Amino acid sequence: MLTEINPKDPKMQKIYNAALQEFSQRGYDEASTNRIAKAAGISKALMFHYVKSKEELFLLLLNYCQKTIAEDYWNKLNWQEKDLFNRLRQSYTLQIDLMKRNPWIFDFTNLTFETKAEKINQKVADIAKQQHSSCNKDLFQGIDETKFRTGLNVERCKQLILWGNIGFTNEILEELKKADRDQIDFQAIADKLTQYLEDLKDVFYEK
């Protein structure tokens, strides 16, 4: 049974963010609780007042990320929005808002690895089965296809936009990995995303 911890506790939030970065950059086996405590600005003894071990911290993070992404991203998406590019803009906005509070959350949830700890491997596998594995594709379901230019193969267009969406998102995440997280200009990122979506709209939609 994992310890129930309030993620809104400021100290716990610092531990979570420090641990998300450490695990994302080094994986579970190479991650150091010493570095996590130092990055969180607390003593290792105090950190272990909140969590009993590195394994428990990692498992708590898995649960935390799964719940947070569901509540603050997936469940907040307005599925009644039928314009594809408005829906994508909404998706990006929610992701940016989430990253403002948890800069490494998507890096952590995108990890694919095998560890030396079987309990960790099993938990990762269990969560992977529960996740919205087709999240990107779901964003393209139930949209207003009449907005596309006459004569275009809409399904092929959606596939091209999906690939572009994945590639652009990965590009943004790679840029964020190299940046000082405290100095990230989220408004500049939002403006870049808006222009990107407007350019795609000009290519695929009727004028």
N, C-alpha and C. Protein backbone atom coordinates (compact mmCIF):
# COMPACT_ATOMS: atom_id res chain seq x y z
N MET A 1 0.84 -1.19 0.00
CA MET A 1 0.00 0.00 0.00
C MET A 1 0.88 1.24 0.00
N LEU A 2 0.69 2.11 -1.00
CA LEU A 2 1.49 3.32 -1.09
C LEU A 2 0.98 4.38 -0.11
N THR A 3 1.91 5.19 0.38
CA THR A 3 1.56 6.29 1.25
C THR A 3 0.69 7.28 0.51
N GLU A 4 -0.40 7.72 1.15
CA GLU A 4 -1.26 8.74 0.55
C GLU A 4 -0.67 10.11 0.87
N ILE A 5 -0.27 10.84 -0.16
CA ILE A 5 0.36 12.13 0.03
C ILE A 5 -0.39 13.19 -0.75
N ASN A 6 -0.59 14.34 -0.12
CA ASN A 6 -1.27 15.44 -0.79
C ASN A 6 -0.29 16.13 -1.74
N PRO A 7 -0.50 16.02 -3.07
CA PRO A 7 0.44 16.63 -4.02
C PRO A 7 0.42 18.15 -3.97
N LYS A 8 -0.59 18.74 -3.30
CA LYS A 8 -0.65 20.19 -3.19
C LYS A 8 0.26 20.71 -2.06
N ASP A 9 0.79 19.80 -1.26
CA ASP A 9 1.78 20.17 -0.25
C ASP A 9 2.99 20.73 -1.01
N PRO A 10 3.41 21.99 -0.73
CA PRO A 10 4.51 22.61 -1.47
C PRO A 10 5.79 21.77 -1.49
N LYS A 11 6.14 21.16 -0.35
CA LYS A 11 7.35 20.35 -0.30
C LYS A 11 7.21 19.11 -1.19
N MET A 12 6.02 18.50 -1.16
CA MET A 12 5.81 17.31 -1.98
C MET A 12 5.84 17.66 -3.45
N GLN A 13 5.31 18.83 -3.80
CA GLN A 13 5.33 19.24 -5.20
C GLN A 13 6.76 19.44 -5.68
N LYS A 14 7.63 19.99 -4.82
CA LYS A 14 9.05 20.15 -5.16
C LYS A 14 9.72 18.79 -5.34
N ILE A 15 9.38 17.85 -4.46
CA ILE A 15 9.94 16.50 -4.57
C ILE A 15 9.48 15.85 -5.87
N TYR A 16 8.20 15.97 -6.17
CA TYR A 16 7.66 15.38 -7.39
C TYR A 16 8.37 15.93 -8.63
N ASN A 17 8.49 17.27 -8.72
CA ASN A 17 9.10 17.86 -9.90
C ASN A 17 10.57 17.49 -10.02
N ALA A 18 11.28 17.47 -8.89
CA ALA A 18 12.69 17.07 -8.90
C ALA A 18 12.82 15.61 -9.32
N ALA A 19 11.93 14.76 -8.81
CA ALA A 19 11.98 13.33 -9.13
C ALA A 19 11.58 13.08 -10.58
N LEU A 20 10.59 13.81 -11.09
CA LEU A 20 10.19 13.67 -12.49
C LEU A 20 11.38 13.96 -13.41
N GLN A 21 12.12 15.00 -13.09
CA GLN A 21 13.29 15.34 -13.91
C GLN A 21 14.38 14.27 -13.79
N GLU A 22 14.67 13.85 -12.58
CA GLU A 22 15.73 12.87 -12.36
C GLU A 22 15.41 11.54 -13.06
N PHE A 23 14.20 11.05 -12.88
CA PHE A 23 13.81 9.78 -13.51
C PHE A 23 13.75 9.91 -15.03
N SER A 24 13.29 11.08 -15.52
CA SER A 24 13.19 11.29 -16.96
C SER A 24 14.56 11.31 -17.61
N GLN A 25 15.53 11.91 -16.94
CA GLN A 25 16.87 12.04 -17.52
C GLN A 25 17.73 10.80 -17.34
N ARG A 26 17.52 10.07 -16.23
CA ARG A 26 18.44 8.97 -15.91
C ARG A 26 17.79 7.60 -15.85
N GLY A 27 16.44 7.55 -15.91
CA GLY A 27 15.78 6.27 -15.75
C GLY A 27 15.73 5.87 -14.29
N TYR A 28 15.00 4.80 -14.01
CA TYR A 28 14.81 4.40 -12.61
C TYR A 28 16.11 3.90 -11.97
N ASP A 29 16.80 3.00 -12.64
CA ASP A 29 17.96 2.35 -12.02
C ASP A 29 19.08 3.33 -11.69
N GLU A 30 19.30 4.33 -12.54
CA GLU A 30 20.41 5.27 -12.35
C GLU A 30 20.00 6.51 -11.56
N ALA A 31 18.72 6.67 -11.28
CA ALA A 31 18.25 7.86 -10.55
C ALA A 31 18.79 7.84 -9.12
N SER A 32 19.08 9.03 -8.60
CA SER A 32 19.65 9.16 -7.26
C SER A 32 18.71 9.95 -6.35
N THR A 33 18.38 9.37 -5.19
CA THR A 33 17.56 10.09 -4.23
C THR A 33 18.32 11.27 -3.63
N ASN A 34 19.65 11.18 -3.61
CA ASN A 34 20.47 12.31 -3.15
C ASN A 34 20.26 13.52 -4.07
N ARG A 35 20.32 13.27 -5.39
CA ARG A 35 20.13 14.37 -6.35
C ARG A 35 18.70 14.90 -6.28
N ILE A 36 17.73 14.01 -6.10
CA ILE A 36 16.33 14.44 -6.02
C ILE A 36 16.13 15.36 -4.83
N ALA A 37 16.63 14.96 -3.67
CA ALA A 37 16.49 15.78 -2.47
C ALA A 37 17.18 17.13 -2.64
N LYS A 38 18.39 17.11 -3.22
CA LYS A 38 19.13 18.36 -3.42
C LYS A 38 18.38 19.29 -4.37
N ALA A 39 17.86 18.74 -5.48
CA ALA A 39 17.12 19.55 -6.45
C ALA A 39 15.83 20.10 -5.85
N ALA A 40 15.24 19.34 -4.91
CA ALA A 40 14.00 19.78 -4.26
C ALA A 40 14.29 20.79 -3.15
N GLY A 41 15.57 20.95 -2.80
CA GLY A 41 15.94 21.91 -1.77
C GLY A 41 15.63 21.47 -0.36
N ILE A 42 15.64 20.15 -0.13
CA ILE A 42 15.36 19.62 1.20
C ILE A 42 16.40 18.56 1.55
N SER A 43 16.42 18.16 2.79
CA SER A 43 17.35 17.11 3.20
C SER A 43 16.79 15.75 2.76
N LYS A 44 17.69 14.79 2.59
CA LYS A 44 17.25 13.44 2.23
C LYS A 44 16.40 12.84 3.34
N ALA A 45 16.72 13.17 4.60
CA ALA A 45 15.94 12.66 5.74
C ALA A 45 14.52 13.17 5.68
N LEU A 46 14.36 14.45 5.32
CA LEU A 46 13.01 15.01 5.23
C LEU A 46 12.25 14.38 4.06
N MET A 47 12.95 14.15 2.95
CA MET A 47 12.28 13.53 1.80
C MET A 47 11.75 12.15 2.17
N PHE A 48 12.56 11.40 2.94
CA PHE A 48 12.12 10.08 3.33
C PHE A 48 11.10 10.10 4.47
N HIS A 49 10.80 11.29 4.96
CA HIS A 49 9.65 11.45 5.85
C HIS A 49 8.36 11.36 5.02
N TYR A 50 8.46 11.81 3.77
CA TYR A 50 7.31 11.79 2.86
C TYR A 50 7.18 10.45 2.14
N VAL A 51 8.30 9.91 1.69
CA VAL A 51 8.29 8.62 0.99
C VAL A 51 9.34 7.71 1.60
N LYS A 52 9.06 6.42 1.58
CA LYS A 52 9.93 5.47 2.29
C LYS A 52 11.14 5.03 1.48
N SER A 53 11.04 5.12 0.15
CA SER A 53 12.12 4.58 -0.69
C SER A 53 12.02 5.16 -2.09
N LYS A 54 13.06 4.92 -2.88
CA LYS A 54 13.04 5.34 -4.28
C LYS A 54 11.93 4.62 -5.04
N GLU A 55 11.74 3.35 -4.73
CA GLU A 55 10.68 2.58 -5.39
C GLU A 55 9.32 3.18 -5.11
N GLU A 56 9.06 3.50 -3.84
CA GLU A 56 7.76 4.08 -3.51
C GLU A 56 7.57 5.42 -4.19
N LEU A 57 8.62 6.24 -4.25
CA LEU A 57 8.53 7.54 -4.91
C LEU A 57 8.18 7.37 -6.38
N PHE A 58 8.84 6.41 -7.03
CA PHE A 58 8.58 6.19 -8.45
C PHE A 58 7.13 5.73 -8.67
N LEU A 59 6.66 4.84 -7.85
CA LEU A 59 5.29 4.34 -7.98
C LEU A 59 4.28 5.44 -7.71
N LEU A 60 4.58 6.30 -6.73
CA LEU A 60 3.72 7.45 -6.45
C LEU A 60 3.66 8.37 -7.66
N LEU A 61 4.81 8.57 -8.31
CA LEU A 61 4.84 9.43 -9.48
C LEU A 61 4.01 8.85 -10.63
N LEU A 62 4.09 7.55 -10.82
CA LEU A 62 3.28 6.92 -11.87
C LEU A 62 1.79 7.19 -11.63
N ASN A 63 1.36 6.99 -10.38
CA ASN A 63 -0.05 7.22 -10.05
C ASN A 63 -0.41 8.70 -10.19
N TYR A 64 0.50 9.56 -9.71
CA TYR A 64 0.26 10.99 -9.76
C TYR A 64 0.12 11.49 -11.19
N CYS A 65 1.04 11.06 -12.07
CA CYS A 65 1.00 11.51 -13.46
C CYS A 65 -0.25 11.01 -14.17
N GLN A 66 -0.58 9.76 -13.93
CA GLN A 66 -1.77 9.19 -14.56
C GLN A 66 -3.02 9.96 -14.15
N LYS A 67 -3.15 10.24 -12.86
CA LYS A 67 -4.32 10.97 -12.36
C LYS A 67 -4.32 12.43 -12.83
N THR A 68 -3.15 13.07 -12.78
CA THR A 68 -3.06 14.48 -13.15
C THR A 68 -3.36 14.70 -14.62
N ILE A 69 -2.81 13.86 -15.48
CA ILE A 69 -3.07 14.00 -16.92
C ILE A 69 -4.54 13.73 -17.23
N ALA A 70 -5.13 12.77 -16.54
CA ALA A 70 -6.55 12.49 -16.75
C ALA A 70 -7.42 13.67 -16.33
N GLU A 71 -7.13 14.23 -15.15
CA GLU A 71 -7.98 15.29 -14.60
C GLU A 71 -7.71 16.66 -15.23
N ASP A 72 -6.46 16.97 -15.49
CA ASP A 72 -6.09 18.31 -15.94
C ASP A 72 -5.84 18.42 -17.43
N TYR A 73 -5.93 17.30 -18.12
CA TYR A 73 -5.79 17.35 -19.58
C TYR A 73 -6.93 16.61 -20.27
N TRP A 74 -6.93 15.31 -20.14
CA TRP A 74 -7.88 14.50 -20.90
C TRP A 74 -9.33 14.87 -20.60
N ASN A 75 -9.69 14.98 -19.32
CA ASN A 75 -11.08 15.25 -18.96
C ASN A 75 -11.50 16.70 -19.19
N LYS A 76 -10.53 17.57 -19.43
CA LYS A 76 -10.85 18.98 -19.67
C LYS A 76 -10.98 19.31 -21.15
N LEU A 77 -10.61 18.38 -22.00
CA LEU A 77 -10.77 18.61 -23.43
C LEU A 77 -12.25 18.74 -23.78
N ASN A 78 -12.58 19.72 -24.57
CA ASN A 78 -13.97 19.92 -25.00
C ASN A 78 -14.22 19.11 -26.26
N TRP A 79 -14.81 17.94 -26.09
CA TRP A 79 -15.02 17.05 -27.23
C TRP A 79 -16.19 17.51 -28.09
N GLN A 80 -16.92 18.55 -27.65
CA GLN A 80 -18.00 19.11 -28.47
C GLN A 80 -17.45 20.04 -29.54
N GLU A 81 -16.18 20.44 -29.39
CA GLU A 81 -15.53 21.27 -30.40
C GLU A 81 -15.25 20.42 -31.64
N LYS A 82 -15.85 20.79 -32.77
CA LYS A 82 -15.73 19.98 -33.97
C LYS A 82 -14.67 20.48 -34.95
N ASP A 83 -14.20 21.71 -34.75
CA ASP A 83 -13.14 22.22 -35.61
C ASP A 83 -11.81 21.59 -35.17
N LEU A 84 -11.17 20.87 -36.07
CA LEU A 84 -9.97 20.13 -35.73
C LEU A 84 -8.88 21.02 -35.16
N PHE A 85 -8.64 22.16 -35.78
CA PHE A 85 -7.53 23.00 -35.35
C PHE A 85 -7.83 23.72 -34.04
N ASN A 86 -9.10 24.02 -33.79
CA ASN A 86 -9.47 24.57 -32.49
C ASN A 86 -9.28 23.52 -31.40
N ARG A 87 -9.59 22.28 -31.75
CA ARG A 87 -9.41 21.20 -30.78
C ARG A 87 -7.93 20.97 -30.49
N LEU A 88 -7.10 21.02 -31.53
CA LEU A 88 -5.66 20.86 -31.33
C LEU A 88 -5.09 22.02 -30.51
N ARG A 89 -5.59 23.24 -30.78
CA ARG A 89 -5.12 24.39 -30.00
C ARG A 89 -5.48 24.22 -28.53
N GLN A 90 -6.67 23.73 -28.28
CA GLN A 90 -7.11 23.48 -26.90
C GLN A 90 -6.22 22.43 -26.24
N SER A 91 -5.87 21.39 -27.00
CA SER A 91 -5.00 20.34 -26.48
C SER A 91 -3.64 20.90 -26.09
N TYR A 92 -3.07 21.71 -26.98
CA TYR A 92 -1.76 22.31 -26.69
C TYR A 92 -1.84 23.22 -25.47
N THR A 93 -2.89 24.02 -25.38
CA THR A 93 -3.04 24.96 -24.26
C THR A 93 -3.10 24.23 -22.93
N LEU A 94 -3.86 23.15 -22.88
CA LEU A 94 -3.96 22.36 -21.65
C LEU A 94 -2.61 21.72 -21.30
N GLN A 95 -1.89 21.26 -22.31
CA GLN A 95 -0.58 20.66 -22.05
C GLN A 95 0.41 21.70 -21.51
N ILE A 96 0.36 22.90 -22.07
CA ILE A 96 1.25 23.97 -21.60
C ILE A 96 0.92 24.34 -20.16
N ASP A 97 -0.36 24.45 -19.85
CA ASP A 97 -0.77 24.78 -18.48
C ASP A 97 -0.28 23.71 -17.51
N LEU A 98 -0.35 22.46 -17.94
CA LEU A 98 0.10 21.36 -17.09
C LEU A 98 1.61 21.41 -16.89
N MET A 99 2.33 21.76 -17.94
CA MET A 99 3.78 21.81 -17.86
C MET A 99 4.28 22.99 -17.03
N LYS A 100 3.47 24.02 -16.90
CA LYS A 100 3.87 25.14 -16.04
C LYS A 100 4.01 24.67 -14.59
N ARG A 101 3.17 23.72 -14.19
CA ARG A 101 3.20 23.21 -12.82
C ARG A 101 4.09 21.99 -12.70
N ASN A 102 4.14 21.18 -13.76
CA ASN A 102 4.92 19.94 -13.75
C ASN A 102 5.74 19.87 -15.03
N PRO A 103 6.88 20.58 -15.08
CA PRO A 103 7.64 20.69 -16.33
C PRO A 103 8.05 19.38 -16.97
N TRP A 104 8.26 18.33 -16.17
CA TRP A 104 8.78 17.08 -16.72
C TRP A 104 7.73 15.98 -16.82
N ILE A 105 6.46 16.32 -16.66
CA ILE A 105 5.43 15.28 -16.57
C ILE A 105 5.31 14.49 -17.87
N PHE A 106 5.40 15.14 -19.02
CA PHE A 106 5.25 14.40 -20.27
C PHE A 106 6.51 13.61 -20.62
N ASP A 107 7.68 14.14 -20.25
CA ASP A 107 8.91 13.37 -20.44
C ASP A 107 8.82 12.07 -19.64
N PHE A 108 8.34 12.17 -18.42
CA PHE A 108 8.24 11.00 -17.54
C PHE A 108 7.25 9.98 -18.07
N THR A 109 6.08 10.44 -18.50
CA THR A 109 5.05 9.51 -18.97
C THR A 109 5.41 8.90 -20.32
N ASN A 110 6.35 9.51 -21.05
CA ASN A 110 6.76 8.96 -22.34
C ASN A 110 7.93 7.99 -22.22
N LEU A 111 8.41 7.77 -20.99
CA LEU A 111 9.53 6.85 -20.79
C LEU A 111 9.14 5.43 -21.17
N THR A 112 10.01 4.78 -21.89
CA THR A 112 9.84 3.34 -22.17
C THR A 112 11.14 2.66 -21.76
N PHE A 113 11.07 1.85 -20.75
CA PHE A 113 12.29 1.24 -20.25
C PHE A 113 11.96 -0.02 -19.46
N GLU A 114 13.00 -0.81 -19.28
CA GLU A 114 12.93 -2.00 -18.44
C GLU A 114 13.90 -1.78 -17.29
N THR A 115 13.46 -1.96 -16.06
CA THR A 115 14.32 -1.72 -14.91
C THR A 115 14.72 -3.05 -14.27
N LYS A 116 15.59 -2.94 -13.28
CA LYS A 116 16.01 -4.13 -12.54
C LYS A 116 14.98 -4.52 -11.49
N ALA A 117 13.98 -3.65 -11.27
CA ALA A 117 12.95 -3.89 -10.25
C ALA A 117 11.68 -4.43 -10.93
N GLU A 118 11.35 -5.69 -10.69
CA GLU A 118 10.20 -6.31 -11.35
C GLU A 118 8.89 -5.62 -10.98
N LYS A 119 8.79 -5.15 -9.73
CA LYS A 119 7.57 -4.47 -9.30
C LYS A 119 7.33 -3.21 -10.13
N ILE A 120 8.41 -2.50 -10.42
CA ILE A 120 8.32 -1.29 -11.24
C ILE A 120 7.90 -1.67 -12.66
N ASN A 121 8.52 -2.68 -13.22
CA ASN A 121 8.19 -3.11 -14.58
C ASN A 121 6.72 -3.49 -14.71
N GLN A 122 6.20 -4.19 -13.72
CA GLN A 122 4.81 -4.63 -13.76
C GLN A 122 3.87 -3.45 -13.66
N LYS A 123 4.19 -2.49 -12.79
CA LYS A 123 3.34 -1.31 -12.63
C LYS A 123 3.32 -0.48 -13.90
N VAL A 124 4.47 -0.30 -14.52
CA VAL A 124 4.55 0.44 -15.77
C VAL A 124 3.70 -0.24 -16.85
N ALA A 125 3.79 -1.56 -16.92
CA ALA A 125 3.02 -2.33 -17.91
C ALA A 125 1.52 -2.20 -17.65
N ASP A 126 1.13 -2.25 -16.38
CA ASP A 126 -0.29 -2.15 -16.03
C ASP A 126 -0.86 -0.79 -16.43
N ILE A 127 -0.10 0.27 -16.15
CA ILE A 127 -0.57 1.61 -16.47
C ILE A 127 -0.64 1.81 -17.98
N ALA A 128 0.34 1.26 -18.70
CA ALA A 128 0.35 1.39 -20.16
C ALA A 128 -0.92 0.81 -20.78
N LYS A 129 -1.43 -0.26 -20.17
CA LYS A 129 -2.65 -0.89 -20.69
C LYS A 129 -3.87 0.00 -20.46
N GLN A 130 -3.83 0.79 -19.37
CA GLN A 130 -4.97 1.62 -19.00
C GLN A 130 -4.99 2.96 -19.70
N GLN A 131 -3.82 3.41 -20.17
CA GLN A 131 -3.72 4.74 -20.74
C GLN A 131 -4.44 4.82 -22.08
N HIS A 132 -4.73 6.07 -22.47
CA HIS A 132 -5.34 6.32 -23.77
C HIS A 132 -4.25 6.20 -24.83
N SER A 133 -4.01 4.96 -25.24
CA SER A 133 -2.91 4.71 -26.17
C SER A 133 -3.12 5.41 -27.50
N SER A 134 -4.38 5.69 -27.85
CA SER A 134 -4.67 6.34 -29.12
C SER A 134 -5.06 7.79 -28.91
N CYS A 135 -4.48 8.43 -27.89
CA CYS A 135 -4.84 9.81 -27.54
C CYS A 135 -4.78 10.74 -28.74
N ASN A 136 -3.65 10.70 -29.48
CA ASN A 136 -3.53 11.57 -30.63
C ASN A 136 -4.61 11.30 -31.67
N LYS A 137 -4.86 10.02 -31.94
CA LYS A 137 -5.89 9.68 -32.92
C LYS A 137 -7.27 10.08 -32.44
N ASP A 138 -7.52 9.99 -31.13
CA ASP A 138 -8.83 10.37 -30.60
C ASP A 138 -9.13 11.84 -30.84
N LEU A 139 -8.10 12.67 -30.86
CA LEU A 139 -8.28 14.09 -31.12
C LEU A 139 -8.86 14.34 -32.51
N PHE A 140 -8.72 13.37 -33.40
CA PHE A 140 -9.15 13.54 -34.78
C PHE A 140 -10.52 12.92 -35.06
N GLN A 141 -11.12 12.34 -34.02
CA GLN A 141 -12.42 11.70 -34.20
C GLN A 141 -13.56 12.70 -34.01
N GLY A 142 -14.63 12.54 -34.81
CA GLY A 142 -15.84 13.34 -34.64
C GLY A 142 -15.69 14.80 -35.02
N ILE A 143 -14.74 15.10 -35.90
CA ILE A 143 -14.54 16.50 -36.30
C ILE A 143 -15.42 16.84 -37.51
N ASP A 144 -15.53 18.13 -37.80
CA ASP A 144 -16.31 18.61 -38.95
C ASP A 144 -15.44 18.51 -40.19
N GLU A 145 -15.69 17.48 -41.00
CA GLU A 145 -14.85 17.25 -42.17
C GLU A 145 -15.24 18.13 -43.35
N THR A 146 -16.36 18.84 -43.25
CA THR A 146 -16.79 19.71 -44.35
C THR A 146 -15.89 20.94 -44.48
N LYS A 147 -15.08 21.21 -43.47
CA LYS A 147 -14.20 22.38 -43.51
C LYS A 147 -13.00 22.17 -44.42
N PHE A 148 -12.70 20.91 -44.76
CA PHE A 148 -11.54 20.63 -45.60
C PHE A 148 -11.80 21.04 -47.06
N ARG A 149 -10.74 21.36 -47.75
CA ARG A 149 -10.84 21.76 -49.15
C ARG A 149 -11.50 20.66 -49.98
N THR A 150 -12.32 21.06 -50.91
CA THR A 150 -12.98 20.12 -51.80
C THR A 150 -11.94 19.38 -52.63
N GLY A 151 -12.10 18.09 -52.73
CA GLY A 151 -11.20 17.28 -53.53
C GLY A 151 -10.08 16.62 -52.75
N LEU A 152 -9.88 17.05 -51.49
CA LEU A 152 -8.84 16.44 -50.68
C LEU A 152 -9.34 15.13 -50.07
N ASN A 153 -8.45 14.19 -49.92
CA ASN A 153 -8.77 12.96 -49.20
C ASN A 153 -8.64 13.26 -47.71
N VAL A 154 -9.78 13.38 -47.02
CA VAL A 154 -9.78 13.85 -45.64
C VAL A 154 -9.01 12.92 -44.72
N GLU A 155 -9.17 11.63 -44.90
CA GLU A 155 -8.46 10.68 -44.04
C GLU A 155 -6.95 10.81 -44.21
N ARG A 156 -6.52 11.01 -45.45
CA ARG A 156 -5.09 11.19 -45.69
C ARG A 156 -4.61 12.51 -45.07
N CYS A 157 -5.44 13.53 -45.17
CA CYS A 157 -5.10 14.83 -44.57
C CYS A 157 -4.97 14.70 -43.06
N LYS A 158 -5.90 14.00 -42.45
CA LYS A 158 -5.85 13.83 -41.00
C LYS A 158 -4.58 13.09 -40.58
N GLN A 159 -4.18 12.10 -41.39
CA GLN A 159 -2.96 11.37 -41.08
C GLN A 159 -1.73 12.27 -41.16
N LEU A 160 -1.70 13.13 -42.21
CA LEU A 160 -0.59 14.06 -42.36
C LEU A 160 -0.54 15.06 -41.20
N ILE A 161 -1.71 15.55 -40.80
CA ILE A 161 -1.77 16.50 -39.68
C ILE A 161 -1.37 15.82 -38.39
N LEU A 162 -1.78 14.58 -38.22
CA LEU A 162 -1.41 13.81 -37.03
C LEU A 162 0.10 13.66 -36.94
N TRP A 163 0.73 13.26 -38.05
CA TRP A 163 2.18 13.11 -38.05
C TRP A 163 2.86 14.44 -37.73
N GLY A 164 2.34 15.52 -38.34
CA GLY A 164 2.91 16.84 -38.08
C GLY A 164 2.72 17.25 -36.64
N ASN A 165 1.55 16.90 -36.08
CA ASN A 165 1.24 17.23 -34.69
C ASN A 165 2.21 16.52 -33.74
N ILE A 166 2.46 15.24 -33.99
CA ILE A 166 3.39 14.47 -33.16
C ILE A 166 4.80 15.04 -33.28
N GLY A 167 5.22 15.31 -34.52
CA GLY A 167 6.55 15.84 -34.74
C GLY A 167 6.76 17.20 -34.11
N PHE A 168 5.76 18.07 -34.24
CA PHE A 168 5.89 19.41 -33.68
C PHE A 168 5.92 19.36 -32.16
N THR A 169 5.07 18.50 -31.57
CA THR A 169 5.05 18.35 -30.11
C THR A 169 6.40 17.85 -29.61
N ASN A 170 6.97 16.86 -30.30
CA ASN A 170 8.27 16.33 -29.90
C ASN A 170 9.37 17.38 -30.03
N GLU A 171 9.25 18.22 -31.06
CA GLU A 171 10.24 19.30 -31.24
C GLU A 171 10.19 20.28 -30.08
N ILE A 172 8.96 20.65 -29.67
CA ILE A 172 8.79 21.56 -28.54
C ILE A 172 9.36 20.94 -27.26
N LEU A 173 9.06 19.67 -27.03
CA LEU A 173 9.56 18.99 -25.83
C LEU A 173 11.08 18.93 -25.82
N GLU A 174 11.69 18.71 -26.99
CA GLU A 174 13.15 18.66 -27.07
C GLU A 174 13.74 20.03 -26.75
N GLU A 175 13.10 21.09 -27.22
CA GLU A 175 13.57 22.45 -26.92
C GLU A 175 13.46 22.73 -25.43
N LEU A 176 12.37 22.25 -24.82
CA LEU A 176 12.17 22.49 -23.39
C LEU A 176 13.20 21.75 -22.55
N LYS A 177 13.62 20.57 -23.02
CA LYS A 177 14.62 19.80 -22.28
C LYS A 177 15.94 20.57 -22.16
N LYS A 178 16.25 21.35 -23.19
CA LYS A 178 17.52 22.08 -23.23
C LYS A 178 17.43 23.43 -22.51
N ALA A 179 16.23 23.86 -22.18
CA ALA A 179 16.05 25.19 -21.60
C ALA A 179 16.07 25.16 -20.09
N ASP A 180 16.37 26.31 -19.51
CA ASP A 180 16.24 26.49 -18.06
C ASP A 180 14.75 26.60 -17.77
N ARG A 181 14.22 25.61 -17.06
CA ARG A 181 12.78 25.54 -16.88
C ARG A 181 12.19 26.79 -16.21
N ASP A 182 12.99 27.48 -15.41
CA ASP A 182 12.49 28.68 -14.73
C ASP A 182 12.44 29.88 -15.67
N GLN A 183 13.09 29.75 -16.83
CA GLN A 183 13.16 30.87 -17.77
C GLN A 183 12.36 30.63 -19.04
N ILE A 184 11.54 29.59 -19.05
CA ILE A 184 10.78 29.25 -20.25
C ILE A 184 9.70 30.31 -20.51
N ASP A 185 9.64 30.79 -21.73
CA ASP A 185 8.62 31.76 -22.14
C ASP A 185 7.43 30.97 -22.71
N PHE A 186 6.49 30.63 -21.85
CA PHE A 186 5.36 29.83 -22.29
C PHE A 186 4.46 30.58 -23.26
N GLN A 187 4.41 31.91 -23.14
CA GLN A 187 3.60 32.69 -24.07
C GLN A 187 4.18 32.62 -25.48
N ALA A 188 5.52 32.64 -25.58
CA ALA A 188 6.16 32.52 -26.89
C ALA A 188 5.87 31.16 -27.50
N ILE A 189 5.85 30.13 -26.66
CA ILE A 189 5.52 28.79 -27.15
C ILE A 189 4.08 28.75 -27.64
N ALA A 190 3.18 29.35 -26.88
CA ALA A 190 1.76 29.38 -27.27
C ALA A 190 1.58 30.12 -28.59
N ASP A 191 2.31 31.23 -28.76
CA ASP A 191 2.21 32.00 -30.01
C ASP A 191 2.74 31.18 -31.19
N LYS A 192 3.82 30.44 -30.97
CA LYS A 192 4.39 29.60 -32.01
C LYS A 192 3.41 28.49 -32.41
N LEU A 193 2.76 27.91 -31.43
CA LEU A 193 1.78 26.86 -31.69
C LEU A 193 0.58 27.41 -32.47
N THR A 194 0.14 28.60 -32.07
CA THR A 194 -1.00 29.23 -32.76
C THR A 194 -0.67 29.46 -34.22
N GLN A 195 0.53 29.99 -34.50
CA GLN A 195 0.92 30.24 -35.89
C GLN A 195 1.04 28.95 -36.67
N TYR A 196 1.56 27.92 -36.03
CA TYR A 196 1.69 26.61 -36.67
C TYR A 196 0.31 26.08 -37.09
N LEU A 197 -0.66 26.18 -36.19
CA LEU A 197 -2.00 25.68 -36.50
C LEU A 197 -2.69 26.54 -37.56
N GLU A 198 -2.44 27.84 -37.55
CA GLU A 198 -3.01 28.72 -38.57
C GLU A 198 -2.44 28.38 -39.94
N ASP A 199 -1.15 28.07 -39.99
CA ASP A 199 -0.52 27.68 -41.26
C ASP A 199 -1.14 26.39 -41.79
N LEU A 200 -1.37 25.42 -40.89
CA LEU A 200 -1.99 24.16 -41.31
C LEU A 200 -3.42 24.40 -41.79
N LYS A 201 -4.13 25.27 -41.11
CA LYS A 201 -5.51 25.57 -41.52
C LYS A 201 -5.53 26.15 -42.93
N ASP A 202 -4.58 27.03 -43.24
CA ASP A 202 -4.52 27.63 -44.59
C ASP A 202 -4.28 26.57 -45.66
N VAL A 203 -3.53 25.52 -45.29
CA VAL A 203 -3.21 24.48 -46.26
C VAL A 203 -4.41 23.56 -46.51
N PHE A 204 -5.12 23.18 -45.45
CA PHE A 204 -6.11 22.12 -45.57
C PHE A 204 -7.57 22.58 -45.62
N TYR A 205 -7.87 23.77 -45.10
CA TYR A 205 -9.27 24.22 -45.04
C TYR A 205 -9.64 25.08 -46.23
N GLU A 206 -10.95 25.07 -46.54
CA GLU A 206 -11.48 26.01 -47.53
C GLU A 206 -11.30 27.43 -47.00
N LYS A 207 -11.06 28.33 -47.91
CA LYS A 207 -10.92 29.74 -47.51
C LYS A 207 -12.27 30.29 -47.06
